[in-house]
Amino acid sequence: MGWRGRPRRIIVGRAGDADVIWNSAADFFAMGGYGLYVWGAYGVTLVCMTAEPVLTAMRHRAAQRALGVGGGTVEP
């Protein structure tokens, strides 16, 4: 409870003319009914940004093996 017995509200910023206010963590994660879209977009972005360097490294190693380059020791 906040000052004067009122529930505390978290004011994060401004969205147009209205304050962006969440009364709880559940309200924050629900994002006013758009939580699935918002958090789903973050999840897809995270998967793509993680998969891209991994897949690129795998393709790079496969190309090196196909060319016979980078296999370990260098012969004089």
Protein backbone atom coordinates (compact mmCIF):
# COMPACT_ATOMS: atom_id res chain seq x y z
CA MET A 1 0.00 0.00 0.00
CA GLY A 2 1.15 3.46 -0.74
CA TRP A 3 0.78 6.74 1.04
CA ARG A 4 -2.72 7.28 2.55
CA GLY A 5 -3.58 3.58 2.17
CA ARG A 6 -3.94 3.73 -1.61
CA PRO A 7 -2.54 0.91 -3.74
CA ARG A 8 0.74 1.81 -5.38
CA ARG A 9 0.73 2.24 -9.13
CA ILE A 10 3.76 1.96 -11.34
CA ILE A 11 3.96 4.82 -13.84
CA VAL A 12 6.44 3.86 -16.53
CA GLY A 13 6.11 6.52 -19.18
CA ARG A 14 3.67 8.31 -21.39
CA ALA A 15 1.76 6.83 -24.31
CA GLY A 16 0.27 9.75 -26.16
CA ASP A 17 -1.86 11.71 -23.71
CA ALA A 18 -2.31 8.91 -21.13
CA ASP A 19 0.11 7.54 -18.56
CA VAL A 20 1.21 3.95 -19.00
CA ILE A 21 0.25 2.47 -15.62
CA TRP A 22 0.47 -1.09 -14.32
CA ASN A 23 -0.90 -2.04 -10.94
CA SER A 24 0.93 -5.38 -10.81
CA ALA A 25 3.40 -7.57 -12.63
CA ALA A 26 0.46 -9.47 -14.15
CA ASP A 27 -0.83 -6.21 -15.66
CA PHE A 28 2.63 -5.51 -17.05
CA PHE A 29 2.93 -8.92 -18.70
CA ALA A 30 -0.65 -8.76 -20.02
CA MET A 31 0.21 -5.44 -21.75
CA GLY A 32 -3.40 -4.32 -21.84
CA GLY A 33 -4.52 -7.46 -23.67
CA TYR A 34 -1.69 -7.39 -26.21
CA GLY A 35 0.78 -9.38 -24.09
CA LEU A 36 0.72 -12.49 -26.27
CA TYR A 37 1.55 -10.42 -29.36
CA VAL A 38 4.24 -8.33 -27.63
CA TRP A 39 6.00 -11.16 -25.80
CA GLY A 40 5.59 -13.47 -28.80
CA ALA A 41 7.34 -10.90 -30.98
CA TYR A 42 10.18 -10.66 -28.47
CA GLY A 43 10.44 -14.46 -28.40
CA VAL A 44 10.57 -14.82 -32.19
CA THR A 45 13.19 -12.07 -32.38
CA LEU A 46 15.30 -13.76 -29.72
CA VAL A 47 15.13 -17.13 -31.53
CA CYS A 48 16.08 -15.57 -34.87
CA MET A 49 18.95 -13.53 -33.44
CA THR A 50 20.29 -16.60 -31.62
CA ALA A 51 19.88 -19.01 -34.54
CA GLU A 52 21.49 -16.79 -37.19
CA PRO A 53 25.08 -16.77 -35.83
CA VAL A 54 24.88 -20.49 -34.96
CA LEU A 55 23.68 -21.45 -38.44
CA THR A 56 26.23 -19.13 -40.06
CA ALA A 57 29.08 -20.76 -38.12
CA MET A 58 27.85 -24.21 -39.12
CA ARG A 59 27.70 -23.23 -42.80
CA HIS A 60 31.17 -21.67 -42.54
CA ARG A 61 32.65 -24.88 -41.07
CA ALA A 62 30.91 -27.00 -43.74
CA ALA A 63 32.33 -24.78 -46.50
CA GLN A 64 35.82 -25.01 -44.99
CA ARG A 65 35.56 -28.82 -44.85
CA ALA A 66 34.35 -28.94 -48.47
CA LEU A 67 37.31 -26.86 -49.58
CA GLY A 68 39.76 -28.75 -47.37
CA VAL A 69 40.74 -25.58 -45.51
CA GLY A 70 41.17 -25.09 -41.78
CA GLY A 71 41.50 -28.73 -40.90
CA GLY A 72 44.19 -28.33 -38.24
CA THR A 73 47.97 -28.43 -38.80
CA VAL A 74 49.67 -26.70 -41.68
CA GLU A 75 52.23 -28.69 -43.69
CA PRO A 76 55.43 -26.87 -44.69
